[in-house]
C-alpha atoms as a PDB file:
ATOM      1  CA  MET A   1     -43.465  23.270 -27.495  1.00  0.00           C
ATOM      2  CA  ILE A   2     -39.815  22.513 -29.046  1.00  0.00           C
ATOM      3  CA  GLU A   3     -39.482  20.429 -32.059  1.00  0.00           C
ATOM      4  CA  CYS A   4     -36.675  17.841 -32.923  1.00  0.00           C
ATOM      5  CA  PRO A   5     -35.893  17.610 -36.237  1.00  0.00           C
ATOM      6  CA  LEU A   6     -34.628  14.095 -35.794  1.00  0.00           C
ATOM      7  CA  PRO A   7     -37.090  11.155 -35.184  1.00  0.00           C
ATOM      8  CA  MET A   8     -36.887  10.101 -31.043  1.00  0.00           C
ATOM      9  CA  ALA A   9     -34.871   7.273 -31.894  1.00  0.00           C
ATOM     10  CA  GLU A  10     -32.396   8.927 -33.631  1.00  0.00           C
ATOM     11  CA  ALA A  11     -32.371  11.769 -31.351  1.00  0.00           C
ATOM     12  CA  ALA A  12     -31.745   9.218 -28.389  1.00  0.00           C
ATOM     13  CA  VAL A  13     -28.430   7.707 -30.050  1.00  0.00           C
ATOM     14  CA  ILE A  14     -26.939  11.013 -30.560  1.00  0.00           C
ATOM     15  CA  GLU A  15     -27.608  12.021 -27.029  1.00  0.00           C
ATOM     16  CA  LYS A  16     -26.388   8.761 -25.348  1.00  0.00           C
ATOM     17  CA  GLU A  17     -23.102   9.334 -27.486  1.00  0.00           C
ATOM     18  CA  VAL A  18     -22.633  12.554 -26.834  1.00  0.00           C
ATOM     19  CA  SER A  19     -22.717  12.119 -22.884  1.00  0.00           C
ATOM     20  CA  ALA A  20     -20.713   8.623 -22.840  1.00  0.00           C
ATOM     21  CA  ASP A  21     -17.865  10.848 -24.675  1.00  0.00           C
ATOM     22  CA  ALA A  22     -18.562  13.793 -22.136  1.00  0.00           C
ATOM     23  CA  VAL A  23     -18.422  12.213 -19.012  1.00  0.00           C
ATOM     24  CA  GLY A  24     -14.777  10.902 -19.426  1.00  0.00           C
ATOM     25  CA  MET A  25     -13.002   8.868 -17.168  1.00  0.00           C
ATOM     26  CA  ARG A  26     -15.015   6.467 -14.965  1.00  0.00           C
ATOM     27  CA  VAL A  27     -14.145   3.877 -12.194  1.00  0.00           C
ATOM     28  CA  TYR A  28     -14.997   0.146 -13.268  1.00  0.00           C
ATOM     29  CA  GLU A  29     -14.276  -3.065 -11.109  1.00  0.00           C
ATOM     30  CA  ILE A  30     -13.430  -6.283 -12.926  1.00  0.00           C
ATOM     31  CA  GLY A  31     -14.280  -9.571 -11.006  1.00  0.00           C
ATOM     32  CA  TYR A  32     -12.891 -13.080 -12.972  1.00  0.00           C
ATOM     33  CA  HIS A  33     -12.354 -16.604 -12.374  1.00  0.00           C
ATOM     34  CA  ILE A  34      -9.232 -18.180 -14.053  1.00  0.00           C
ATOM     35  CA  ASN A  35      -9.565 -21.686 -15.126  1.00  0.00           C
ATOM     36  CA  PRO A  36      -8.658 -24.250 -12.027  1.00  0.00           C
ATOM     37  CA  ASN A  37      -6.184 -26.159 -14.501  1.00  0.00           C
ATOM     38  CA  THR A  38      -4.270 -23.040 -15.120  1.00  0.00           C
ATOM     39  CA  LYS A  39      -0.921 -23.801 -12.818  1.00  0.00           C
ATOM     40  CA  GLU A  40      -0.177 -21.013  -9.919  1.00  0.00           C
ATOM     41  CA  ASP A  41       2.993 -19.818 -11.813  1.00  0.00           C
ATOM     42  CA  GLU A  42       0.882 -19.203 -14.799  1.00  0.00           C
ATOM     43  CA  LEU A  43      -1.239 -16.735 -13.362  1.00  0.00           C
ATOM     44  CA  GLU A  44       0.533 -13.709 -13.519  1.00  0.00           C
ATOM     45  CA  PRO A  45       1.001 -13.842 -17.050  1.00  0.00           C
ATOM     46  CA  VAL A  46      -3.122 -13.868 -17.351  1.00  0.00           C
ATOM     47  CA  VAL A  47      -3.171 -11.178 -14.762  1.00  0.00           C
ATOM     48  CA  ALA A  48      -0.898  -9.171 -16.988  1.00  0.00           C
ATOM     49  CA  ASP A  49      -2.740  -9.793 -20.155  1.00  0.00           C
ATOM     50  CA  ILE A  50      -5.729  -8.291 -18.077  1.00  0.00           C
ATOM     51  CA  ARG A  51      -4.078  -5.263 -16.823  1.00  0.00           C
ATOM     52  CA  GLY A  52      -2.237  -5.238 -20.551  1.00  0.00           C
ATOM     53  CA  MET A  53      -5.651  -4.670 -21.499  1.00  0.00           C
ATOM     54  CA  ILE A  54      -6.732  -2.187 -19.161  1.00  0.00           C
ATOM     55  CA  GLU A  55      -3.863  -0.435 -20.160  1.00  0.00           C
ATOM     56  CA  LYS A  56      -4.180  -0.444 -24.031  1.00  0.00           C
ATOM     57  CA  GLN A  57      -7.653   1.153 -23.361  1.00  0.00           C
ATOM     58  CA  GLY A  58      -6.442   4.124 -21.164  1.00  0.00           C
ATOM     59  CA  GLY A  59      -7.206   2.595 -18.140  1.00  0.00           C
ATOM     60  CA  LYS A  60      -5.121   3.716 -14.454  1.00  0.00           C
ATOM     61  CA  PHE A  61      -5.010   1.332 -11.618  1.00  0.00           C
ATOM     62  CA  LEU A  62      -6.589   1.507  -8.543  1.00  0.00           C
ATOM     63  CA  ALA A  63      -6.429  -1.436  -6.541  1.00  0.00           C
ATOM     64  CA  GLU A  64      -6.462  -5.076  -7.159  1.00  0.00           C
ATOM     65  CA  GLY A  65      -6.798  -8.408  -5.458  1.00  0.00           C
ATOM     66  CA  ALA A  66      -4.532 -10.889  -6.364  1.00  0.00           C
ATOM     67  CA  PRO A  67      -6.102 -14.440  -7.849  1.00  0.00           C
ATOM     68  CA  SER A  68      -6.685 -17.280  -4.942  1.00  0.00           C
ATOM     69  CA  LEU A  69      -7.970 -20.572  -5.357  1.00  0.00           C
ATOM     70  CA  THR A  70     -11.861 -20.968  -4.569  1.00  0.00           C
ATOM     71  CA  LYS A  71     -14.874 -23.312  -4.452  1.00  0.00           C
ATOM     72  CA  LEU A  72     -17.804 -21.990  -6.838  1.00  0.00           C
ATOM     73  CA  ALA A  73     -21.148 -21.505  -5.609  1.00  0.00           C
ATOM     74  CA  TYR A  74     -21.966 -23.379  -8.868  1.00  0.00           C
ATOM     75  CA  THR A  75     -20.737 -25.156 -11.491  1.00  0.00           C
ATOM     76  CA  ILE A  76     -19.263 -23.141 -14.577  1.00  0.00           C
ATOM     77  CA  GLU A  77     -19.743 -25.249 -17.841  1.00  0.00           C
ATOM     78  CA  VAL A  78     -17.455 -24.003 -20.798  1.00  0.00           C
ATOM     79  CA  LYS A  79     -17.011 -25.107 -24.211  1.00  0.00           C
ATOM     80  CA  GLU A  80     -12.946 -26.790 -23.935  1.00  0.00           C
ATOM     81  CA  ASN A  81     -11.733 -28.333 -27.617  1.00  0.00           C
ATOM     82  CA  GLY A  82     -15.493 -29.164 -28.597  1.00  0.00           C
ATOM     83  CA  LYS A  83     -16.729 -30.870 -25.390  1.00  0.00           C
ATOM     84  CA  ARG A  84     -18.461 -29.017 -22.721  1.00  0.00           C
ATOM     85  CA  VAL A  85     -16.619 -29.014 -19.464  1.00  0.00           C
ATOM     86  CA  ALA A  86     -17.944 -27.849 -15.830  1.00  0.00           C
ATOM     87  CA  TYR A  87     -15.690 -26.601 -13.378  1.00  0.00           C
ATOM     88  CA  ASP A  88     -16.484 -26.322  -9.267  1.00  0.00           C
ATOM     89  CA  ARG A  89     -13.760 -24.354  -8.481  1.00  0.00           C
ATOM     90  CA  GLY A  90     -11.612 -21.192  -9.807  1.00  0.00           C
ATOM     91  CA  TYR A  91      -8.956 -18.711  -9.595  1.00  0.00           C
ATOM     92  CA  PHE A  92     -10.716 -15.515  -8.288  1.00  0.00           C
ATOM     93  CA  GLY A  93      -9.019 -12.258  -8.766  1.00  0.00           C
ATOM     94  CA  TRP A  94     -10.331  -8.487  -9.277  1.00  0.00           C
ATOM     95  CA  ILE A  95      -8.943  -5.076 -10.280  1.00  0.00           C
ATOM     96  CA  LYS A  96     -10.726  -2.088 -10.079  1.00  0.00           C
ATOM     97  CA  PHE A  97      -9.263   0.979 -12.325  1.00  0.00           C
ATOM     98  CA  GLU A  98     -10.350   4.180 -14.381  1.00  0.00           C
ATOM     99  CA  ALA A  99     -10.786   4.145 -17.623  1.00  0.00           C
ATOM    100  CA  PRO A 100     -12.328   6.467 -20.808  1.00  0.00           C
ATOM    101  CA  VAL A 101     -16.515   5.191 -20.984  1.00  0.00           C
ATOM    102  CA  SER A 102     -15.088   4.195 -24.568  1.00  0.00           C
ATOM    103  CA  ALA A 103     -12.957   1.060 -22.688  1.00  0.00           C
ATOM    104  CA  VAL A 104     -15.707  -0.709 -21.674  1.00  0.00           C
ATOM    105  CA  ALA A 105     -17.393  -2.482 -24.760  1.00  0.00           C
ATOM    106  CA  PRO A 106     -13.675  -3.707 -25.722  1.00  0.00           C
ATOM    107  CA  LEU A 107     -12.466  -5.022 -22.535  1.00  0.00           C
ATOM    108  CA  GLU A 108     -15.862  -6.770 -21.815  1.00  0.00           C
ATOM    109  CA  ALA A 109     -14.979  -8.173 -25.442  1.00  0.00           C
ATOM    110  CA  ALA A 110     -11.703  -9.291 -24.979  1.00  0.00           C
ATOM    111  CA  LEU A 111     -12.396 -10.499 -21.244  1.00  0.00           C
ATOM    112  CA  LYS A 112     -15.140 -13.257 -23.003  1.00  0.00           C
ATOM    113  CA  THR A 113     -12.680 -14.439 -25.776  1.00  0.00           C
ATOM    114  CA  ASN A 114      -9.757 -15.045 -23.433  1.00  0.00           C
ATOM    115  CA  ARG A 115      -9.464 -19.108 -23.118  1.00  0.00           C
ATOM    116  CA  ASP A 116      -8.020 -18.466 -19.447  1.00  0.00           C
ATOM    117  CA  ILE A 117     -10.838 -17.364 -18.154  1.00  0.00           C
ATOM    118  CA  LEU A 118     -13.973 -19.141 -17.425  1.00  0.00           C
ATOM    119  CA  ARG A 119     -16.336 -16.040 -16.151  1.00  0.00           C
ATOM    120  CA  SER A 120     -15.887 -12.422 -15.739  1.00  0.00           C
ATOM    121  CA  VAL A 121     -18.489  -9.754 -14.291  1.00  0.00           C
ATOM    122  CA  PHE A 122     -17.656  -5.611 -15.402  1.00  0.00           C
ATOM    123  CA  PHE A 123     -18.891  -2.949 -13.575  1.00  0.00           C
ATOM    124  CA  GLN A 124     -19.023   0.792 -12.745  1.00  0.00           C
ATOM    125  CA  THR A 125     -18.676   1.253  -8.965  1.00  0.00           C
ATOM    126  CA  VAL A 126     -16.961   4.367  -7.123  1.00  0.00           C
ATOM    127  CA  ARG A 127     -13.608   5.570  -6.130  1.00  0.00           C
ATOM    128  CA  GLU A 128     -13.239   4.587  -2.417  1.00  0.00           C
ATOM    129  CA  GLU A 129     -10.962   2.663  -0.351  1.00  0.00           C
ATOM    130  CA  THR A 130     -11.359  -1.206  -1.065  1.00  0.00           C
ATOM    131  CA  ARG A 131     -10.272  -2.624   2.387  1.00  0.00           C
ATOM    132  CA  ALA A 132     -12.831  -3.371   4.850  1.00  0.00           C
ATOM    133  CA  ARG A 133     -12.656  -0.805   8.119  1.00  0.00           C
ATOM    134  CA  PHE A 134     -13.457  -2.074  11.093  1.00  0.00           C
ATOM    135  CA  LYS A 135     -14.648   0.221  14.172  1.00  0.00           C
ATOM    136  CA  SER A 136     -13.246  -1.203  17.569  1.00  0.00           C
ATOM    137  CA  ALA A 137     -15.536  -0.639  20.536  1.00  0.00           C
ATOM    138  CA  PRO A 138     -14.751   1.960  22.823  1.00  0.00           C
ATOM    139  CA  MET A 139     -12.679   0.896  25.657  1.00  0.00           C
ATOM    140  CA  ARG A 140     -13.393   2.341  29.303  1.00  0.00           C
ATOM    141  CA  GLU A 141     -10.866   3.809  30.988  1.00  0.00           C
ATOM    142  CA  VAL A 142      -9.319   2.114  34.059  1.00  0.00           C
ATOM    143  CA  LYS A 143      -7.429   4.150  36.708  1.00  0.00           C
ATOM    144  CA  ARG A 144      -4.699   2.767  38.741  1.00  0.00           C
ATOM    145  CA  GLY A 145      -6.622   3.099  42.000  1.00  0.00           C
ATOM    146  CA  ASP A 146      -9.978   1.177  40.558  1.00  0.00           C
ATOM    147  CA  VAL A 147     -10.419  -2.099  42.192  1.00  0.00           C
ATOM    148  CA  ILE A 148     -12.524  -4.211  40.030  1.00  0.00           C
ATOM    149  CA  LYS A 149     -14.010  -7.000  41.868  1.00  0.00           C
ATOM    150  CA  SER A 150     -16.381  -9.868  40.369  1.00  0.00           C
ATOM    151  CA  ALA A 151     -20.218  -9.148  41.260  1.00  0.00           C
ATOM    152  CA  PRO A 152     -21.593 -11.269  44.449  1.00  0.00           C
ATOM    153  CA  ARG A 153     -23.025 -14.262  43.958  1.00  0.00           C
ATOM    154  CA  ASN A 154     -26.341 -15.025  45.677  1.00  0.00           C
ATOM    155  CA  GLU A 155     -25.771 -18.811  46.776  1.00  0.00           C
ATOM    156  CA  GLU A 156     -28.728 -21.266  46.854  1.00  0.00           C
ATOM    157  CA  VAL A 157     -29.332 -22.930  49.929  1.00  0.00           C
ATOM    158  CA  ALA A 158     -30.463 -26.464  49.422  1.00  0.00           C
ATOM    159  CA  ALA A 159     -33.330 -28.063  51.387  1.00  0.00           C
ATOM    160  CA  PRO A 160     -32.491 -31.771  52.972  1.00  0.00           C
ATOM    161  CA  VAL A 161     -34.179 -34.410  50.805  1.00  0.00           C
ATOM    162  CA  SER A 162     -35.405 -37.299  52.402  1.00  0.00           C
ATOM    163  CA  GLU A 163     -34.592 -41.004  51.108  1.00  0.00           C
ATOM    164  CA  ALA A 164     -38.263 -41.908  50.532  1.00  0.00           C
ATOM    165  CA  ASP A 165     -38.774 -38.531  48.664  1.00  0.00           C
ATOM    166  CA  LEU A 166     -35.653 -39.508  46.348  1.00  0.00           C
ATOM    167  CA  GLU A 167     -37.097 -42.684  45.905  1.00  0.00           C
ATOM    168  CA  LYS A 168     -41.242 -40.976  45.142  1.00  0.00           C
ATOM    169  CA  ALA A 169     -39.418 -38.687  42.638  1.00  0.00           C
ATOM    170  CA  LEU A 170     -37.372 -41.366  40.756  1.00  0.00           C
ATOM    171  CA  GLU A 171     -40.881 -43.485  40.360  1.00  0.00           C
ATOM    172  CA  ASP A 172     -42.716 -40.504  39.036  1.00  0.00           C
ATOM    173  CA  ILE A 173     -40.330 -39.944  36.335  1.00  0.00           C
ATOM    174  CA  THR A 174     -39.747 -43.731  35.226  1.00  0.00           C
ATOM    175  CA  SER A 175     -43.503 -44.528  35.231  1.00  0.00           C
ATOM    176  CA  GLU A 176     -44.998 -41.662  33.529  1.00  0.00           C
ATOM    177  CA  LYS A 177     -44.951 -43.528  29.801  1.00  0.00           C
END
């Protein structure tokens, strides 16, 4: 049996710190909603601030989605000038980047304190192509000599109907109440 000279709680904290520093760079993605009252020409400086925060922490950009105005699934309430304000729209954008593990806490704190950002989500992801891939259906090869014909139709032959039969059918339909 191996004895640990430290209490279990202290050993776990030390192990977590060592493993976090040993891992190095990881891939993260930030999704954010910018205040809808922000003018479109003022969006780029807000995004540039987010990029600056990432670069300051040693991050490298992998992909980015420009902010676009979207209707939110639910309202987001924030305090502005001592009052609660509810928003049902926001400019949604995202940034995928690689950064050291030690950059996570400062980036999350900076996003929460930025007044232009209504809400953000920060998560670890994988390095892969971010564009959606569509698989097309295989095409059938058609040779020049092939003639494409439509399928033969089965024609329905209507039986002759007398006036008396029509009248009787109409009476049956209208009298069924």
